Amino acid sequence: KFPLAMQFLCELIELTSKKEEVDVFRVLVSATDECNWDPVVFDMLVKGYLKLGLVEEGFRVFREVLDSGFSVSVVTCNHLLNGLLKLDLMEDCWQVYSVMCRVGIHPNTYTFNILTNVFCNDSNFREVDDFLEKMEEEGFEPDLVTYNTLVSSYCRRGRLKEAFYLYKIMYRRRVVPDLVTYTSLIKGLCK
């Protein structure tokens, strides 16, 4: 009954979003003694905020959920990271990642690809190599999305030498470049 539960949570969020005195998270926590409930409700609550485009409120609830001792899934963290990235809230992305590491939510390939995108859009672009090393130390191999993100970013910044170096590395690691890779390289060369 996940879709129905998500629908109810979204309706509840929409009804209360204009009322500052109502905190949906606190209301759900207070109802835990009287209801047969599952902690996954809090994970769904964060997703509900994100689904409604209320990313900053979702981030607030994410912190409240974790501060209260509950957990969220890596999928929810990835949705949150993606939403924050789209709003250009890079510092908040790093806070989410830091909290994930602190509470034991293990990142996956999607997490690292989103964070690679954060690096490429952030002013700390020079630190991306260190991050990729850390990613590999944690057992994740860069995939096509990772390489395309980096190649595109290098080309946008006019750093064609690094872009073509990655292009060669892709072949060595048996990651086959695709249309996105070639389009980025061609655009970089045209500039």
C-alpha atoms as a PDB file:
ATOM      1  CA  LYS A   1       0.000   0.000   0.000  1.00  0.00           C
ATOM      2  CA  PHE A   2       3.016   2.259  -0.478  1.00  0.00           C
ATOM      3  CA  PRO A   3       1.433   4.436  -3.225  1.00  0.00           C
ATOM      4  CA  LEU A   4      -1.663   5.067  -1.119  1.00  0.00           C
ATOM      5  CA  ALA A   5       0.396   5.891   1.969  1.00  0.00           C
ATOM      6  CA  MET A   6       2.566   8.254  -0.087  1.00  0.00           C
ATOM      7  CA  GLN A   7      -0.554   9.930  -1.465  1.00  0.00           C
ATOM      8  CA  PHE A   8      -1.888  10.487   2.078  1.00  0.00           C
ATOM      9  CA  LEU A   9       1.437  11.867   3.276  1.00  0.00           C
ATOM     10  CA  CYS A  10       1.629  14.250   0.311  1.00  0.00           C
ATOM     11  CA  GLU A  11      -1.916  15.449   0.978  1.00  0.00           C
ATOM     12  CA  LEU A  12      -1.048  15.973   4.639  1.00  0.00           C
ATOM     13  CA  ILE A  13       2.077  17.940   3.690  1.00  0.00           C
ATOM     14  CA  GLU A  14       0.097  20.109   1.250  1.00  0.00           C
ATOM     15  CA  LEU A  15      -2.614  20.787   3.850  1.00  0.00           C
ATOM     16  CA  THR A  16      -0.114  21.819   6.499  1.00  0.00           C
ATOM     17  CA  SER A  17       2.553  23.525   4.383  1.00  0.00           C
ATOM     18  CA  LYS A  18       0.898  26.924   4.762  1.00  0.00           C
ATOM     19  CA  LYS A  19       0.440  26.526   8.536  1.00  0.00           C
ATOM     20  CA  GLU A  20       3.704  27.220  10.332  1.00  0.00           C
ATOM     21  CA  GLU A  21       2.385  25.982  13.679  1.00  0.00           C
ATOM     22  CA  VAL A  22       1.897  22.430  12.331  1.00  0.00           C
ATOM     23  CA  ASP A  23       4.979  20.208  12.062  1.00  0.00           C
ATOM     24  CA  VAL A  24       4.000  17.006  10.250  1.00  0.00           C
ATOM     25  CA  PHE A  25       7.046  15.171  11.570  1.00  0.00           C
ATOM     26  CA  ARG A  26       6.243  16.009  15.206  1.00  0.00           C
ATOM     27  CA  VAL A  27       2.591  15.044  14.694  1.00  0.00           C
ATOM     28  CA  LEU A  28       3.640  11.655  13.279  1.00  0.00           C
ATOM     29  CA  VAL A  29       6.086  11.086  16.150  1.00  0.00           C
ATOM     30  CA  SER A  30       3.379  11.911  18.708  1.00  0.00           C
ATOM     31  CA  ALA A  31       1.030   9.399  17.044  1.00  0.00           C
ATOM     32  CA  THR A  32       3.505   6.508  17.255  1.00  0.00           C
ATOM     33  CA  ASP A  33       2.210   5.366  20.677  1.00  0.00           C
ATOM     34  CA  GLU A  34      -1.395   5.101  19.500  1.00  0.00           C
ATOM     35  CA  CYS A  35      -0.850   3.607  16.038  1.00  0.00           C
ATOM     36  CA  ASN A  36       0.620   0.471  14.605  1.00  0.00           C
ATOM     37  CA  TRP A  37       3.329   2.174  12.578  1.00  0.00           C
ATOM     38  CA  ASP A  38       6.611   1.514  10.870  1.00  0.00           C
ATOM     39  CA  PRO A  39       9.655   3.846  10.981  1.00  0.00           C
ATOM     40  CA  VAL A  40       9.681   3.772   7.154  1.00  0.00           C
ATOM     41  CA  VAL A  41       6.935   6.410   7.445  1.00  0.00           C
ATOM     42  CA  PHE A  42       9.625   8.997   8.215  1.00  0.00           C
ATOM     43  CA  ASP A  43      11.584   7.964   5.128  1.00  0.00           C
ATOM     44  CA  MET A  44       8.386   8.359   3.117  1.00  0.00           C
ATOM     45  CA  LEU A  45       7.761  11.758   4.711  1.00  0.00           C
ATOM     46  CA  VAL A  46      11.081  13.106   3.449  1.00  0.00           C
ATOM     47  CA  LYS A  47      10.299  11.657   0.003  1.00  0.00           C
ATOM     48  CA  GLY A  48       6.869  13.309   0.141  1.00  0.00           C
ATOM     49  CA  TYR A  49       8.380  16.746   0.633  1.00  0.00           C
ATOM     50  CA  LEU A  50      10.778  16.112  -2.233  1.00  0.00           C
ATOM     51  CA  LYS A  51       8.023  14.785  -4.478  1.00  0.00           C
ATOM     52  CA  LEU A  52       6.098  18.015  -3.907  1.00  0.00           C
ATOM     53  CA  GLY A  53       9.172  20.090  -4.781  1.00  0.00           C
ATOM     54  CA  LEU A  54       9.613  21.292  -1.207  1.00  0.00           C
ATOM     55  CA  VAL A  55      13.314  20.434  -1.143  1.00  0.00           C
ATOM     56  CA  GLU A  56      14.432  22.782   1.618  1.00  0.00           C
ATOM     57  CA  GLU A  57      11.583  21.607   3.862  1.00  0.00           C
ATOM     58  CA  GLY A  58      12.526  18.023   2.989  1.00  0.00           C
ATOM     59  CA  PHE A  59      16.088  18.773   4.064  1.00  0.00           C
ATOM     60  CA  ARG A  60      14.809  20.177   7.374  1.00  0.00           C
ATOM     61  CA  VAL A  61      12.688  17.053   7.972  1.00  0.00           C
ATOM     62  CA  PHE A  62      15.633  14.833   6.961  1.00  0.00           C
ATOM     63  CA  ARG A  63      17.697  16.398   9.748  1.00  0.00           C
ATOM     64  CA  GLU A  64      14.842  16.112  12.248  1.00  0.00           C
ATOM     65  CA  VAL A  65      14.269  12.441  11.399  1.00  0.00           C
ATOM     66  CA  LEU A  66      17.938  11.575  11.894  1.00  0.00           C
ATOM     67  CA  ASP A  67      18.296  13.754  15.016  1.00  0.00           C
ATOM     68  CA  SER A  68      15.370  11.817  16.516  1.00  0.00           C
ATOM     69  CA  GLY A  69      17.148   8.505  16.017  1.00  0.00           C
ATOM     70  CA  PHE A  70      15.228   7.292  12.993  1.00  0.00           C
ATOM     71  CA  SER A  71      16.776   6.505   9.637  1.00  0.00           C
ATOM     72  CA  VAL A  72      16.149   7.095   5.971  1.00  0.00           C
ATOM     73  CA  SER A  73      17.184   5.034   2.976  1.00  0.00           C
ATOM     74  CA  VAL A  74      20.067   5.782   0.654  1.00  0.00           C
ATOM     75  CA  VAL A  75      17.466   6.238  -2.105  1.00  0.00           C
ATOM     76  CA  THR A  76      15.840   9.059  -0.138  1.00  0.00           C
ATOM     77  CA  CYS A  77      19.254  10.614   0.494  1.00  0.00           C
ATOM     78  CA  ASN A  78      19.942  10.479  -3.244  1.00  0.00           C
ATOM     79  CA  HIS A  79      16.630  12.192  -4.025  1.00  0.00           C
ATOM     80  CA  LEU A  80      17.474  14.852  -1.451  1.00  0.00           C
ATOM     81  CA  LEU A  81      20.984  15.338  -2.851  1.00  0.00           C
ATOM     82  CA  ASN A  82      19.599  15.656  -6.367  1.00  0.00           C
ATOM     83  CA  GLY A  83      17.005  18.218  -5.253  1.00  0.00           C
ATOM     84  CA  LEU A  84      19.608  20.278  -3.410  1.00  0.00           C
ATOM     85  CA  LEU A  85      21.939  20.107  -6.417  1.00  0.00           C
ATOM     86  CA  LYS A  86      19.194  21.414  -8.707  1.00  0.00           C
ATOM     87  CA  LEU A  87      18.683  24.342  -6.315  1.00  0.00           C
ATOM     88  CA  ASP A  88      22.439  24.990  -6.380  1.00  0.00           C
ATOM     89  CA  LEU A  89      22.711  24.349  -2.618  1.00  0.00           C
ATOM     90  CA  MET A  90      26.138  22.718  -2.740  1.00  0.00           C
ATOM     91  CA  GLU A  91      26.976  23.216   0.940  1.00  0.00           C
ATOM     92  CA  ASP A  92      23.744  21.427   1.905  1.00  0.00           C
ATOM     93  CA  CYS A  93      24.695  18.515  -0.385  1.00  0.00           C
ATOM     94  CA  TRP A  94      27.937  18.079   1.541  1.00  0.00           C
ATOM     95  CA  GLN A  95      26.026  18.262   4.822  1.00  0.00           C
ATOM     96  CA  VAL A  96      23.757  15.429   3.660  1.00  0.00           C
ATOM     97  CA  TYR A  97      26.753  13.331   2.640  1.00  0.00           C
ATOM     98  CA  SER A  98      28.486  14.040   5.954  1.00  0.00           C
ATOM     99  CA  VAL A  99      25.382  13.025   7.898  1.00  0.00           C
ATOM    100  CA  MET A 100      25.032   9.873   5.785  1.00  0.00           C
ATOM    101  CA  CYS A 101      28.587   8.846   6.702  1.00  0.00           C
ATOM    102  CA  ARG A 102      28.061   9.738  10.366  1.00  0.00           C
ATOM    103  CA  VAL A 103      24.863   7.697  10.827  1.00  0.00           C
ATOM    104  CA  GLY A 104      25.923   4.734   8.689  1.00  0.00           C
ATOM    105  CA  ILE A 105      23.844   5.223   5.540  1.00  0.00           C
ATOM    106  CA  HIS A 106      26.098   3.669   2.916  1.00  0.00           C
ATOM    107  CA  PRO A 107      26.348   5.635  -0.323  1.00  0.00           C
ATOM    108  CA  ASN A 108      25.842   3.859  -3.629  1.00  0.00           C
ATOM    109  CA  THR A 109      26.898   4.593  -7.202  1.00  0.00           C
ATOM    110  CA  TYR A 110      24.047   7.089  -7.627  1.00  0.00           C
ATOM    111  CA  THR A 111      25.196   8.963  -4.512  1.00  0.00           C
ATOM    112  CA  PHE A 112      28.723   9.267  -5.845  1.00  0.00           C
ATOM    113  CA  ASN A 113      27.521  10.336  -9.297  1.00  0.00           C
ATOM    114  CA  ILE A 114      25.379  13.073  -7.761  1.00  0.00           C
ATOM    115  CA  LEU A 115      28.302  14.214  -5.613  1.00  0.00           C
ATOM    116  CA  THR A 116      30.593  14.190  -8.656  1.00  0.00           C
ATOM    117  CA  ASN A 117      28.071  16.547 -10.242  1.00  0.00           C
ATOM    118  CA  VAL A 118      28.172  18.693  -7.091  1.00  0.00           C
ATOM    119  CA  PHE A 119      31.967  18.920  -7.393  1.00  0.00           C
ATOM    120  CA  CYS A 120      31.714  19.838 -11.055  1.00  0.00           C
ATOM    121  CA  ASN A 121      29.226  22.621 -10.317  1.00  0.00           C
ATOM    122  CA  ASP A 122      31.003  23.809  -7.193  1.00  0.00           C
ATOM    123  CA  SER A 123      33.963  26.118  -6.966  1.00  0.00           C
ATOM    124  CA  ASN A 124      35.992  23.290  -5.392  1.00  0.00           C
ATOM    125  CA  PHE A 125      36.367  21.560  -8.759  1.00  0.00           C
ATOM    126  CA  ARG A 126      40.075  20.951  -8.121  1.00  0.00           C
ATOM    127  CA  GLU A 127      39.206  18.522  -5.314  1.00  0.00           C
ATOM    128  CA  VAL A 128      37.340  16.140  -7.623  1.00  0.00           C
ATOM    129  CA  ASP A 129      40.380  13.864  -8.053  1.00  0.00           C
ATOM    130  CA  ASP A 130      40.639  13.334  -4.292  1.00  0.00           C
ATOM    131  CA  PHE A 131      36.937  12.577  -4.151  1.00  0.00           C
ATOM    132  CA  LEU A 132      37.225  10.025  -6.957  1.00  0.00           C
ATOM    133  CA  GLU A 133      40.070   8.318  -5.106  1.00  0.00           C
ATOM    134  CA  LYS A 134      37.915   8.165  -1.979  1.00  0.00           C
ATOM    135  CA  MET A 135      35.052   6.770  -4.057  1.00  0.00           C
ATOM    136  CA  GLU A 136      37.303   4.001  -5.387  1.00  0.00           C
ATOM    137  CA  GLU A 137      38.651   3.281  -1.884  1.00  0.00           C
ATOM    138  CA  GLU A 138      35.073   2.673  -0.783  1.00  0.00           C
ATOM    139  CA  GLY A 139      34.692   0.102  -3.558  1.00  0.00           C
ATOM    140  CA  PHE A 140      32.871   2.104  -6.207  1.00  0.00           C
ATOM    141  CA  GLU A 141      34.194   2.206  -9.729  1.00  0.00           C
ATOM    142  CA  PRO A 142      33.399   5.297 -11.782  1.00  0.00           C
ATOM    143  CA  ASP A 143      30.792   4.409 -14.409  1.00  0.00           C
ATOM    144  CA  LEU A 144      29.705   5.999 -17.684  1.00  0.00           C
ATOM    145  CA  VAL A 145      27.685   8.667 -15.860  1.00  0.00           C
ATOM    146  CA  THR A 146      30.668   9.595 -13.686  1.00  0.00           C
ATOM    147  CA  TYR A 147      32.991   9.914 -16.652  1.00  0.00           C
ATOM    148  CA  ASN A 148      30.450  11.825 -18.755  1.00  0.00           C
ATOM    149  CA  THR A 149      29.903  14.281 -15.908  1.00  0.00           C
ATOM    150  CA  LEU A 150      33.638  14.869 -15.584  1.00  0.00           C
ATOM    151  CA  VAL A 151      34.381  15.023 -19.317  1.00  0.00           C
ATOM    152  CA  SER A 152      31.538  17.498 -19.840  1.00  0.00           C
ATOM    153  CA  SER A 153      32.688  19.647 -16.933  1.00  0.00           C
ATOM    154  CA  TYR A 154      36.313  19.686 -18.101  1.00  0.00           C
ATOM    155  CA  CYS A 155      35.191  20.653 -21.618  1.00  0.00           C
ATOM    156  CA  ARG A 156      32.963  23.465 -20.313  1.00  0.00           C
ATOM    157  CA  ARG A 157      35.939  24.850 -18.405  1.00  0.00           C
ATOM    158  CA  GLY A 158      38.213  24.621 -21.463  1.00  0.00           C
ATOM    159  CA  ARG A 159      40.357  21.898 -19.892  1.00  0.00           C
ATOM    160  CA  LEU A 160      40.502  19.641 -22.949  1.00  0.00           C
ATOM    161  CA  LYS A 161      43.719  17.920 -21.949  1.00  0.00           C
ATOM    162  CA  GLU A 162      42.049  16.508 -18.806  1.00  0.00           C
ATOM    163  CA  ALA A 163      38.875  15.650 -20.749  1.00  0.00           C
ATOM    164  CA  PHE A 164      40.790  13.619 -23.324  1.00  0.00           C
ATOM    165  CA  TYR A 165      42.845  11.974 -20.586  1.00  0.00           C
ATOM    166  CA  LEU A 166      39.585  10.748 -19.013  1.00  0.00           C
ATOM    167  CA  TYR A 167      38.388   9.640 -22.432  1.00  0.00           C
ATOM    168  CA  LYS A 168      41.455   7.390 -22.712  1.00  0.00           C
ATOM    169  CA  ILE A 169      41.013   6.140 -19.146  1.00  0.00           C
ATOM    170  CA  MET A 170      37.439   5.121 -20.001  1.00  0.00           C
ATOM    171  CA  TYR A 171      38.717   2.688 -22.613  1.00  0.00           C
ATOM    172  CA  ARG A 172      41.345   1.290 -20.270  1.00  0.00           C
ATOM    173  CA  ARG A 173      38.652   0.623 -17.694  1.00  0.00           C
ATOM    174  CA  ARG A 174      36.289  -0.854 -20.290  1.00  0.00           C
ATOM    175  CA  VAL A 175      33.743   1.952 -19.967  1.00  0.00           C
ATOM    176  CA  VAL A 176      32.527   2.559 -23.511  1.00  0.00           C
ATOM    177  CA  PRO A 177      32.036   6.261 -24.358  1.00  0.00           C
ATOM    178  CA  ASP A 178      28.604   7.148 -25.690  1.00  0.00           C
ATOM    179  CA  LEU A 179      26.888  10.008 -27.517  1.00  0.00           C
ATOM    180  CA  VAL A 180      27.090  12.242 -24.433  1.00  0.00           C
ATOM    181  CA  THR A 181      30.852  11.713 -24.185  1.00  0.00           C
ATOM    182  CA  TYR A 182      31.462  12.522 -27.848  1.00  0.00           C
ATOM    183  CA  THR A 183      29.087  15.486 -27.851  1.00  0.00           C
ATOM    184  CA  SER A 184      30.906  16.995 -24.863  1.00  0.00           C
ATOM    185  CA  LEU A 185      34.298  16.520 -26.500  1.00  0.00           C
ATOM    186  CA  ILE A 186      33.136  17.992 -29.807  1.00  0.00           C
ATOM    187  CA  LYS A 187      31.595  21.010 -28.037  1.00  0.00           C
ATOM    188  CA  GLY A 188      34.837  21.472 -26.111  1.00  0.00           C
ATOM    189  CA  LEU A 189      36.877  21.365 -29.313  1.00  0.00           C
ATOM    190  CA  CYS A 190      34.528  23.815 -31.043  1.00  0.00           C
ATOM    191  CA  LYS A 191      34.908  26.336 -28.230  1.00  0.00           C
END
